[in-house]
Amino acid sequence: MNAKRRRRFRPKPWVVIVCLLAIWIGLNFARNAYRNYQLRVEIESLQREIAAMELRNKQLEEEIANWQSPEYVERAAREELGLVKPGETMYIFAQPAGE
């Protein structure tokens, strides 16, 4: 038989502690990096939503300004509601049957 002993690898305690610390730091870094990525995606989504709402707000402000114009109100009353001024006569043309 072989008289030589096999020598087992036994790391020193400080090496184990340093390795565990490095793994812990790496996992924390990865977790924080992933959380930062999620937050950036959410921020971009919210910024797009804000831009859409600002555009809609601008459109509504323009519509409010239009409704404050007497000419726009009169045109809308005539076209959408079919109203006429006193003394005017409205003619409605019927469509031929079959069309």
PDB file of N, CA and C in Angstrom:
ATOM      1  N   MET A   1       0.816  -1.175   0.000  1.00  0.00           N
ATOM      2  CA  MET A   1       0.000   0.000   0.000  1.00  0.00           C
ATOM      3  C   MET A   1       0.860   1.239   0.000  1.00  0.00           C
ATOM      4  N   ASN A   2       0.227   2.231  -0.433  1.00  0.00           N
ATOM      5  CA  ASN A   2       0.925   3.503  -0.513  1.00  0.00           C
ATOM      6  C   ASN A   2       0.993   4.118   0.876  1.00  0.00           C
ATOM      7  N   ALA A   3       2.177   4.406   1.282  1.00  0.00           N
ATOM      8  CA  ALA A   3       2.384   4.928   2.625  1.00  0.00           C
ATOM      9  C   ALA A   3       2.140   6.423   2.695  1.00  0.00           C
ATOM     10  N   LYS A   4       2.071   7.042   1.571  1.00  0.00           N
ATOM     11  CA  LYS A   4       1.833   8.492   1.568  1.00  0.00           C
ATOM     12  C   LYS A   4       0.385   8.786   1.935  1.00  0.00           C
ATOM     13  N   ARG A   5       0.263   9.783   2.709  1.00  0.00           N
ATOM     14  CA  ARG A   5      -1.083  10.238   3.062  1.00  0.00           C
ATOM     15  C   ARG A   5      -1.574  11.242   2.033  1.00  0.00           C
ATOM     16  N   ARG A   6      -2.825  11.168   1.834  1.00  0.00           N
ATOM     17  CA  ARG A   6      -3.415  12.197   0.989  1.00  0.00           C
ATOM     18  C   ARG A   6      -3.672  13.420   1.841  1.00  0.00           C
ATOM     19  N   ARG A   7      -3.269  14.487   1.286  1.00  0.00           N
ATOM     20  CA  ARG A   7      -3.481  15.732   2.018  1.00  0.00           C
ATOM     21  C   ARG A   7      -4.769  16.375   1.528  1.00  0.00           C
ATOM     22  N   ARG A   8      -5.671  16.627   2.432  1.00  0.00           N
ATOM     23  CA  ARG A   8      -6.928  17.265   2.089  1.00  0.00           C
ATOM     24  C   ARG A   8      -6.728  18.765   2.020  1.00  0.00           C
ATOM     25  N   PHE A   9      -7.482  19.332   1.078  1.00  0.00           N
ATOM     26  CA  PHE A   9      -7.433  20.797   0.954  1.00  0.00           C
ATOM     27  C   PHE A   9      -8.346  21.378   2.009  1.00  0.00           C
ATOM     28  N   ARG A  10      -7.791  22.136   2.887  1.00  0.00           N
ATOM     29  CA  ARG A  10      -8.551  22.816   3.929  1.00  0.00           C
ATOM     30  C   ARG A  10      -8.259  24.305   3.813  1.00  0.00           C
ATOM     31  N   PRO A  11      -9.260  25.051   3.300  1.00  0.00           N
ATOM     32  CA  PRO A  11      -9.025  26.492   3.191  1.00  0.00           C
ATOM     33  C   PRO A  11      -8.958  27.113   4.582  1.00  0.00           C
ATOM     34  N   LYS A  12      -8.245  28.170   4.632  1.00  0.00           N
ATOM     35  CA  LYS A  12      -8.137  28.876   5.905  1.00  0.00           C
ATOM     36  C   LYS A  12      -9.452  29.611   6.154  1.00  0.00           C
ATOM     37  N   PRO A  13      -9.802  29.812   7.399  1.00  0.00           N
ATOM     38  CA  PRO A  13     -11.093  30.463   7.706  1.00  0.00           C
ATOM     39  C   PRO A  13     -11.229  31.852   7.087  1.00  0.00           C
ATOM     40  N   TRP A  14     -10.194  32.615   7.004  1.00  0.00           N
ATOM     41  CA  TRP A  14     -10.307  33.963   6.434  1.00  0.00           C
ATOM     42  C   TRP A  14     -10.601  33.908   4.949  1.00  0.00           C
ATOM     43  N   VAL A  15     -10.120  32.854   4.264  1.00  0.00           N
ATOM     44  CA  VAL A  15     -10.401  32.702   2.832  1.00  0.00           C
ATOM     45  C   VAL A  15     -11.893  32.422   2.630  1.00  0.00           C
ATOM     46  N   VAL A  16     -12.462  31.574   3.474  1.00  0.00           N
ATOM     47  CA  VAL A  16     -13.887  31.256   3.388  1.00  0.00           C
ATOM     48  C   VAL A  16     -14.712  32.516   3.650  1.00  0.00           C
ATOM     49  N   ILE A  17     -14.325  33.273   4.654  1.00  0.00           N
ATOM     50  CA  ILE A  17     -15.046  34.498   4.999  1.00  0.00           C
ATOM     51  C   ILE A  17     -14.980  35.503   3.852  1.00  0.00           C
ATOM     52  N   VAL A  18     -13.824  35.665   3.245  1.00  0.00           N
ATOM     53  CA  VAL A  18     -13.672  36.593   2.126  1.00  0.00           C
ATOM     54  C   VAL A  18     -14.516  36.138   0.932  1.00  0.00           C
ATOM     55  N   CYS A  19     -14.532  34.846   0.664  1.00  0.00           N
ATOM     56  CA  CYS A  19     -15.342  34.331  -0.459  1.00  0.00           C
ATOM     57  C   CYS A  19     -16.833  34.554  -0.204  1.00  0.00           C
ATOM     58  N   LEU A  20     -17.288  34.260   1.007  1.00  0.00           N
ATOM     59  CA  LEU A  20     -18.696  34.481   1.335  1.00  0.00           C
ATOM     60  C   LEU A  20     -19.054  35.959   1.253  1.00  0.00           C
ATOM     61  N   LEU A  21     -18.165  36.807   1.719  1.00  0.00           N
ATOM     62  CA  LEU A  21     -18.394  38.247   1.645  1.00  0.00           C
ATOM     63  C   LEU A  21     -18.473  38.709   0.186  1.00  0.00           C
ATOM     64  N   ALA A  22     -17.584  38.196  -0.655  1.00  0.00           N
ATOM     65  CA  ALA A  22     -17.597  38.557  -2.082  1.00  0.00           C
ATOM     66  C   ALA A  22     -18.897  38.096  -2.743  1.00  0.00           C
ATOM     67  N   ILE A  23     -19.372  36.907  -2.408  1.00  0.00           N
ATOM     68  CA  ILE A  23     -20.633  36.401  -2.972  1.00  0.00           C
ATOM     69  C   ILE A  23     -21.800  37.269  -2.497  1.00  0.00           C
ATOM     70  N   TRP A  24     -21.813  37.616  -1.219  1.00  0.00           N
ATOM     71  CA  TRP A  24     -22.880  38.458  -0.667  1.00  0.00           C
ATOM     72  C   TRP A  24     -22.904  39.826  -1.347  1.00  0.00           C
ATOM     73  N   ILE A  25     -21.725  40.426  -1.527  1.00  0.00           N
ATOM     74  CA  ILE A  25     -21.641  41.724  -2.197  1.00  0.00           C
ATOM     75  C   ILE A  25     -22.111  41.611  -3.649  1.00  0.00           C
ATOM     76  N   GLY A  26     -21.713  40.553  -4.323  1.00  0.00           N
ATOM     77  CA  GLY A  26     -22.131  40.340  -5.711  1.00  0.00           C
ATOM     78  C   GLY A  26     -23.637  40.186  -5.841  1.00  0.00           C
ATOM     79  N   LEU A  27     -24.240  39.415  -4.943  1.00  0.00           N
ATOM     80  CA  LEU A  27     -25.693  39.233  -4.986  1.00  0.00           C
ATOM     81  C   LEU A  27     -26.424  40.545  -4.699  1.00  0.00           C
ATOM     82  N   ASN A  28     -25.939  41.303  -3.747  1.00  0.00           N
ATOM     83  CA  ASN A  28     -26.557  42.605  -3.462  1.00  0.00           C
ATOM     84  C   ASN A  28     -26.422  43.548  -4.646  1.00  0.00           C
ATOM     85  N   PHE A  29     -25.278  43.545  -5.285  1.00  0.00           N
ATOM     86  CA  PHE A  29     -25.071  44.390  -6.458  1.00  0.00           C
ATOM     87  C   PHE A  29     -26.036  43.996  -7.574  1.00  0.00           C
ATOM     88  N   ALA A  30     -26.179  42.694  -7.812  1.00  0.00           N
ATOM     89  CA  ALA A  30     -27.082  42.217  -8.871  1.00  0.00           C
ATOM     90  C   ALA A  30     -28.528  42.588  -8.549  1.00  0.00           C
ATOM     91  N   ARG A  31     -28.928  42.417  -7.285  1.00  0.00           N
ATOM     92  CA  ARG A  31     -30.293  42.755  -6.896  1.00  0.00           C
ATOM     93  C   ARG A  31     -30.561  44.249  -7.075  1.00  0.00           C
ATOM     94  N   ASN A  32     -29.615  45.082  -6.664  1.00  0.00           N
ATOM     95  CA  ASN A  32     -29.782  46.531  -6.812  1.00  0.00           C
ATOM     96  C   ASN A  32     -29.773  46.953  -8.281  1.00  0.00           C
ATOM     97  N   ALA A  33     -28.943  46.320  -9.086  1.00  0.00           N
ATOM     98  CA  ALA A  33     -28.908  46.641 -10.516  1.00  0.00           C
ATOM     99  C   ALA A  33     -30.240  46.290 -11.172  1.00  0.00           C
ATOM    100  N   TYR A  34     -30.813  45.148 -10.801  1.00  0.00           N
ATOM    101  CA  TYR A  34     -32.103  44.749 -11.366  1.00  0.00           C
ATOM    102  C   TYR A  34     -33.202  45.708 -10.919  1.00  0.00           C
ATOM    103  N   ARG A  35     -33.186  46.110  -9.665  1.00  0.00           N
ATOM    104  CA  ARG A  35     -34.183  47.061  -9.156  1.00  0.00           C
ATOM    105  C   ARG A  35     -34.057  48.407  -9.871  1.00  0.00           C
ATOM    106  N   ASN A  36     -32.835  48.857 -10.097  1.00  0.00           N
ATOM    107  CA  ASN A  36     -32.617  50.108 -10.840  1.00  0.00           C
ATOM    108  C   ASN A  36     -33.165  49.994 -12.255  1.00  0.00           C
ATOM    109  N   TYR A  37     -32.969  48.846 -12.892  1.00  0.00           N
ATOM    110  CA  TYR A  37     -33.495  48.619 -14.236  1.00  0.00           C
ATOM    111  C   TYR A  37     -35.019  48.714 -14.216  1.00  0.00           C
ATOM    112  N   GLN A  38     -35.654  48.063 -13.241  1.00  0.00           N
ATOM    113  CA  GLN A  38     -37.115  48.116 -13.145  1.00  0.00           C
ATOM    114  C   GLN A  38     -37.599  49.553 -12.954  1.00  0.00           C
ATOM    115  N   LEU A  39     -36.908  50.306 -12.125  1.00  0.00           N
ATOM    116  CA  LEU A  39     -37.311  51.693 -11.885  1.00  0.00           C
ATOM    117  C   LEU A  39     -37.147  52.546 -13.143  1.00  0.00           C
ATOM    118  N   ARG A  40     -36.073  52.322 -13.901  1.00  0.00           N
ATOM    119  CA  ARG A  40     -35.883  53.081 -15.153  1.00  0.00           C
ATOM    120  C   ARG A  40     -37.007  52.779 -16.135  1.00  0.00           C
ATOM    121  N   VAL A  41     -37.399  51.512 -16.241  1.00  0.00           N
ATOM    122  CA  VAL A  41     -38.491  51.134 -17.139  1.00  0.00           C
ATOM    123  C   VAL A  41     -39.783  51.807 -16.695  1.00  0.00           C
ATOM    124  N   GLU A  42     -40.041  51.822 -15.395  1.00  0.00           N
ATOM    125  CA  GLU A  42     -41.251  52.455 -14.882  1.00  0.00           C
ATOM    126  C   GLU A  42     -41.224  53.966 -15.117  1.00  0.00           C
ATOM    127  N   ILE A  43     -40.075  54.593 -14.929  1.00  0.00           N
ATOM    128  CA  ILE A  43     -39.945  56.035 -15.162  1.00  0.00           C
ATOM    129  C   ILE A  43     -40.217  56.363 -16.620  1.00  0.00           C
ATOM    130  N   GLU A  44     -39.651  55.579 -17.543  1.00  0.00           N
ATOM    131  CA  GLU A  44     -39.882  55.815 -18.970  1.00  0.00           C
ATOM    132  C   GLU A  44     -41.361  55.672 -19.316  1.00  0.00           C
ATOM    133  N   SER A  45     -42.014  54.673 -18.739  1.00  0.00           N
ATOM    134  CA  SER A  45     -43.441  54.474 -18.988  1.00  0.00           C
ATOM    135  C   SER A  45     -44.247  55.661 -18.473  1.00  0.00           C
ATOM    136  N   LEU A  46     -43.915  56.133 -17.274  1.00  0.00           N
ATOM    137  CA  LEU A  46     -44.630  57.273 -16.712  1.00  0.00           C
ATOM    138  C   LEU A  46     -44.370  58.549 -17.505  1.00  0.00           C
ATOM    139  N   GLN A  47     -43.148  58.702 -18.023  1.00  0.00           N
ATOM    140  CA  GLN A  47     -42.845  59.881 -18.837  1.00  0.00           C
ATOM    141  C   GLN A  47     -43.652  59.872 -20.132  1.00  0.00           C
ATOM    142  N   ARG A  48     -43.808  58.689 -20.740  1.00  0.00           N
ATOM    143  CA  ARG A  48     -44.644  58.588 -21.949  1.00  0.00           C
ATOM    144  C   ARG A  48     -46.096  58.913 -21.614  1.00  0.00           C
ATOM    145  N   GLU A  49     -46.558  58.435 -20.475  1.00  0.00           N
ATOM    146  CA  GLU A  49     -47.933  58.713 -20.053  1.00  0.00           C
ATOM    147  C   GLU A  49     -48.127  60.203 -19.795  1.00  0.00           C
ATOM    148  N   ILE A  50     -47.161  60.844 -19.172  1.00  0.00           N
ATOM    149  CA  ILE A  50     -47.235  62.286 -18.917  1.00  0.00           C
ATOM    150  C   ILE A  50     -47.281  63.046 -20.231  1.00  0.00           C
ATOM    151  N   ALA A  51     -46.438  62.651 -21.198  1.00  0.00           N
ATOM    152  CA  ALA A  51     -46.424  63.330 -22.497  1.00  0.00           C
ATOM    153  C   ALA A  51     -47.785  63.201 -23.183  1.00  0.00           C
ATOM    154  N   ALA A  52     -48.388  62.006 -23.108  1.00  0.00           N
ATOM    155  CA  ALA A  52     -49.706  61.809 -23.723  1.00  0.00           C
ATOM    156  C   ALA A  52     -50.757  62.669 -23.035  1.00  0.00           C
ATOM    157  N   MET A  53     -50.681  62.760 -21.714  1.00  0.00           N
ATOM    158  CA  MET A  53     -51.652  63.577 -20.984  1.00  0.00           C
ATOM    159  C   MET A  53     -51.452  65.058 -21.255  1.00  0.00           C
ATOM    160  N   GLU A  54     -50.217  65.490 -21.405  1.00  0.00           N
ATOM    161  CA  GLU A  54     -49.963  66.893 -21.740  1.00  0.00           C
ATOM    162  C   GLU A  54     -50.512  67.230 -23.120  1.00  0.00           C
ATOM    163  N   LEU A  55     -50.353  66.305 -24.067  1.00  0.00           N
ATOM    164  CA  LEU A  55     -50.898  66.514 -25.407  1.00  0.00           C
ATOM    165  C   LEU A  55     -52.423  66.597 -25.345  1.00  0.00           C
ATOM    166  N   ARG A  56     -53.034  65.684 -24.608  1.00  0.00           N
ATOM    167  CA  ARG A  56     -54.499  65.701 -24.476  1.00  0.00           C
ATOM    168  C   ARG A  56     -54.956  66.986 -23.790  1.00  0.00           C
ATOM    169  N   ASN A  57     -54.224  67.428 -22.783  1.00  0.00           N
ATOM    170  CA  ASN A  57     -54.554  68.669 -22.080  1.00  0.00           C
ATOM    171  C   ASN A  57     -54.489  69.860 -23.039  1.00  0.00           C
ATOM    172  N   LYS A  58     -53.469  69.871 -23.892  1.00  0.00           N
ATOM    173  CA  LYS A  58     -53.343  70.957 -24.873  1.00  0.00           C
ATOM    174  C   LYS A  58     -54.530  70.938 -25.838  1.00  0.00           C
ATOM    175  N   GLN A  59     -54.922  69.747 -26.281  1.00  0.00           N
ATOM    176  CA  GLN A  59     -56.058  69.644 -27.189  1.00  0.00           C
ATOM    177  C   GLN A  59     -57.338  70.140 -26.518  1.00  0.00           C
ATOM    178  N   LEU A  60     -57.517  69.790 -25.257  1.00  0.00           N
ATOM    179  CA  LEU A  60     -58.710  70.240 -24.540  1.00  0.00           C
ATOM    180  C   LEU A  60     -58.707  71.748 -24.330  1.00  0.00           C
ATOM    181  N   GLU A  61     -57.530  72.314 -24.060  1.00  0.00           N
ATOM    182  CA  GLU A  61     -57.440  73.772 -23.916  1.00  0.00           C
ATOM    183  C   GLU A  61     -57.794  74.472 -25.224  1.00  0.00           C
ATOM    184  N   GLU A  62     -57.349  73.908 -26.360  1.00  0.00           N
ATOM    185  CA  GLU A  62     -57.698  74.475 -27.665  1.00  0.00           C
ATOM    186  C   GLU A  62     -59.200  74.366 -27.914  1.00  0.00           C
ATOM    187  N   GLU A  63     -59.782  73.239 -27.508  1.00  0.00           N
ATOM    188  CA  GLU A  63     -61.218  73.061 -27.684  1.00  0.00           C
ATOM    189  C   GLU A  63     -61.993  74.062 -26.824  1.00  0.00           C
ATOM    190  N   ILE A  64     -61.527  74.291 -25.615  1.00  0.00           N
ATOM    191  CA  ILE A  64     -62.169  75.289 -24.738  1.00  0.00           C
ATOM    192  C   ILE A  64     -62.083  76.675 -25.375  1.00  0.00           C
ATOM    193  N   ALA A  65     -60.910  76.994 -25.914  1.00  0.00           N
ATOM    194  CA  ALA A  65     -60.742  78.294 -26.570  1.00  0.00           C
ATOM    195  C   ALA A  65     -61.687  78.412 -27.768  1.00  0.00           C
ATOM    196  N   ASN A  66     -61.859  77.335 -28.529  1.00  0.00           N
ATOM    197  CA  ASN A  66     -62.788  77.352 -29.667  1.00  0.00           C
ATOM    198  C   ASN A  66     -64.216  77.585 -29.208  1.00  0.00           C
ATOM    199  N   TRP A  67     -64.626  76.919 -28.135  1.00  0.00           N
ATOM    200  CA  TRP A  67     -65.995  77.056 -27.664  1.00  0.00           C
ATOM    201  C   TRP A  67     -66.262  78.444 -27.098  1.00  0.00           C
ATOM    202  N   GLN A  68     -65.226  79.183 -26.769  1.00  0.00           N
ATOM    203  CA  GLN A  68     -65.411  80.545 -26.286  1.00  0.00           C
ATOM    204  C   GLN A  68     -65.546  81.531 -27.447  1.00  0.00           C
ATOM    205  N   SER A  69     -65.333  81.070 -28.666  1.00  0.00           N
ATOM    206  CA  SER A  69     -65.465  81.904 -29.853  1.00  0.00           C
ATOM    207  C   SER A  69     -66.912  81.841 -30.351  1.00  0.00           C
ATOM    208  N   PRO A  70     -67.565  82.997 -30.536  1.00  0.00           N
ATOM    209  CA  PRO A  70     -68.959  82.997 -31.015  1.00  0.00           C
ATOM    210  C   PRO A  70     -69.100  82.347 -32.389  1.00  0.00           C
ATOM    211  N   GLU A  71     -68.109  82.520 -33.260  1.00  0.00           N
ATOM    212  CA  GLU A  71     -68.186  81.934 -34.598  1.00  0.00           C
ATOM    213  C   GLU A  71     -68.209  80.410 -34.519  1.00  0.00           C
ATOM    214  N   TYR A  72     -67.400  79.843 -33.652  1.00  0.00           N
ATOM    215  CA  TYR A  72     -67.332  78.381 -33.517  1.00  0.00           C
ATOM    216  C   TYR A  72     -68.652  77.852 -32.950  1.00  0.00           C
ATOM    217  N   VAL A  73     -69.176  78.541 -31.963  1.00  0.00           N
ATOM    218  CA  VAL A  73     -70.437  78.111 -31.356  1.00  0.00           C
ATOM    219  C   VAL A  73     -71.551  78.144 -32.393  1.00  0.00           C
ATOM    220  N   GLU A  74     -71.593  79.208 -33.199  1.00  0.00           N
ATOM    221  CA  GLU A  74     -72.638  79.314 -34.227  1.00  0.00           C
ATOM    222  C   GLU A  74     -72.498  78.197 -35.261  1.00  0.00           C
ATOM    223  N   ARG A  75     -71.266  77.964 -35.714  1.00  0.00           N
ATOM    224  CA  ARG A  75     -71.042  76.902 -36.706  1.00  0.00           C
ATOM    225  C   ARG A  75     -71.434  75.531 -36.141  1.00  0.00           C
ATOM    226  N   ALA A  76     -71.051  75.265 -34.889  1.00  0.00           N
ATOM    227  CA  ALA A  76     -71.397  73.988 -34.273  1.00  0.00           C
ATOM    228  C   ALA A  76     -72.908  73.850 -34.128  1.00  0.00           C
ATOM    229  N   ALA A  77     -73.576  74.928 -33.765  1.00  0.00           N
ATOM    230  CA  ALA A  77     -75.037  74.887 -33.625  1.00  0.00           C
ATOM    231  C   ALA A  77     -75.701  74.594 -34.957  1.00  0.00           C
ATOM    232  N   ARG A  78     -75.193  75.184 -36.006  1.00  0.00           N
ATOM    233  CA  ARG A  78     -75.776  74.959 -37.331  1.00  0.00           C
ATOM    234  C   ARG A  78     -75.479  73.545 -37.840  1.00  0.00           C
ATOM    235  N   GLU A  79     -74.212  73.121 -37.755  1.00  0.00           N
ATOM    236  CA  GLU A  79     -73.819  71.842 -38.350  1.00  0.00           C
ATOM    237  C   GLU A  79     -74.232  70.637 -37.506  1.00  0.00           C
ATOM    238  N   GLU A  80     -74.054  70.729 -36.210  1.00  0.00           N
ATOM    239  CA  GLU A  80     -74.296  69.556 -35.366  1.00  0.00           C
ATOM    240  C   GLU A  80     -75.727  69.488 -34.839  1.00  0.00           C
ATOM    241  N   LEU A  81     -76.325  70.639 -34.588  1.00  0.00           N
ATOM    242  CA  LEU A  81     -77.662  70.641 -34.000  1.00  0.00           C
ATOM    243  C   LEU A  81     -78.756  71.024 -34.988  1.00  0.00           C
ATOM    244  N   GLY A  82     -78.354  71.514 -36.156  1.00  0.00           N
ATOM    245  CA  GLY A  82     -79.335  71.861 -37.177  1.00  0.00           C
ATOM    246  C   GLY A  82     -80.140  73.108 -36.834  1.00  0.00           C
ATOM    247  N   LEU A  83     -79.591  73.994 -36.036  1.00  0.00           N
ATOM    248  CA  LEU A  83     -80.303  75.214 -35.669  1.00  0.00           C
ATOM    249  C   LEU A  83     -80.168  76.271 -36.766  1.00  0.00           C
ATOM    250  N   VAL A  84     -81.155  77.178 -36.826  1.00  0.00           N
ATOM    251  CA  VAL A  84     -81.128  78.266 -37.797  1.00  0.00           C
ATOM    252  C   VAL A  84     -81.415  79.568 -37.070  1.00  0.00           C
ATOM    253  N   LYS A  85     -80.994  80.667 -37.672  1.00  0.00           N
ATOM    254  CA  LYS A  85     -81.275  81.987 -37.109  1.00  0.00           C
ATOM    255  C   LYS A  85     -82.730  82.338 -37.385  1.00  0.00           C
ATOM    256  N   PRO A  86     -83.274  83.230 -36.584  1.00  0.00           N
ATOM    257  CA  PRO A  86     -84.659  83.663 -36.861  1.00  0.00           C
ATOM    258  C   PRO A  86     -84.756  84.272 -38.262  1.00  0.00           C
ATOM    259  N   GLY A  87     -85.764  83.879 -38.986  1.00  0.00           N
ATOM    260  CA  GLY A  87     -85.976  84.381 -40.334  1.00  0.00           C
ATOM    261  C   GLY A  87     -85.332  83.513 -41.399  1.00  0.00           C
ATOM    262  N   GLU A  88     -84.481  82.564 -41.022  1.00  0.00           N
ATOM    263  CA  GLU A  88     -83.871  81.667 -42.006  1.00  0.00           C
ATOM    264  C   GLU A  88     -84.744  80.435 -42.170  1.00  0.00           C
ATOM    265  N   THR A  89     -84.631  79.830 -43.337  1.00  0.00           N
ATOM    266  CA  THR A  89     -85.374  78.602 -43.608  1.00  0.00           C
ATOM    267  C   THR A  89     -84.373  77.496 -43.882  1.00  0.00           C
ATOM    268  N   MET A  90     -84.590  76.348 -43.235  1.00  0.00           N
ATOM    269  CA  MET A  90     -83.698  75.211 -43.420  1.00  0.00           C
ATOM    270  C   MET A  90     -84.320  74.244 -44.415  1.00  0.00           C
ATOM    271  N   TYR A  91     -83.527  73.812 -45.360  1.00  0.00           N
ATOM    272  CA  TYR A  91     -83.969  72.841 -46.347  1.00  0.00           C
ATOM    273  C   TYR A  91     -83.209  71.545 -46.102  1.00  0.00           C
ATOM    274  N   ILE A  92     -83.930  70.450 -46.051  1.00  0.00           N
ATOM    275  CA  ILE A  92     -83.324  69.131 -45.897  1.00  0.00           C
ATOM    276  C   ILE A  92     -83.703  68.344 -47.139  1.00  0.00           C
ATOM    277  N   PHE A  93     -82.690  67.896 -47.833  1.00  0.00           N
ATOM    278  CA  PHE A  93     -82.914  67.153 -49.071  1.00  0.00           C
ATOM    279  C   PHE A  93     -82.974  65.676 -48.758  1.00  0.00           C
ATOM    280  N   ALA A  94     -84.055  65.046 -49.219  1.00  0.00           N
ATOM    281  CA  ALA A  94     -84.243  63.622 -48.978  1.00  0.00           C
ATOM    282  C   ALA A  94     -83.419  62.822 -49.979  1.00  0.00           C
ATOM    283  N   GLN A  95     -82.971  61.689 -49.546  1.00  0.00           N
ATOM    284  CA  GLN A  95     -82.253  60.778 -50.429  1.00  0.00           C
ATOM    285  C   GLN A  95     -83.262  59.977 -51.245  1.00  0.00           C
ATOM    286  N   PRO A  96     -82.962  59.744 -52.517  1.00  0.00           N
ATOM    287  CA  PRO A  96     -83.876  58.918 -53.330  1.00  0.00           C
ATOM    288  C   PRO A  96     -83.956  57.507 -52.744  1.00  0.00           C
ATOM    289  N   ALA A  97     -85.110  56.910 -52.886  1.00  0.00           N
ATOM    290  CA  ALA A  97     -85.311  55.554 -52.388  1.00  0.00           C
ATOM    291  C   ALA A  97     -84.389  54.595 -53.126  1.00  0.00           C
ATOM    292  N   GLY A  98     -83.860  53.627 -52.411  1.00  0.00           N
ATOM    293  CA  GLY A  98     -82.997  52.632 -53.038  1.00  0.00           C
ATOM    294  C   GLY A  98     -81.510  52.946 -52.913  1.00  0.00           C
ATOM    295  N   GLU A  99     -81.162  54.036 -52.385  1.00  0.00           N
ATOM    296  CA  GLU A  99     -79.733  54.361 -52.246  1.00  0.00           C
ATOM    297  C   GLU A  99     -79.322  54.296 -50.810  1.00  0.00           C
TER     298      GLU A  99
END
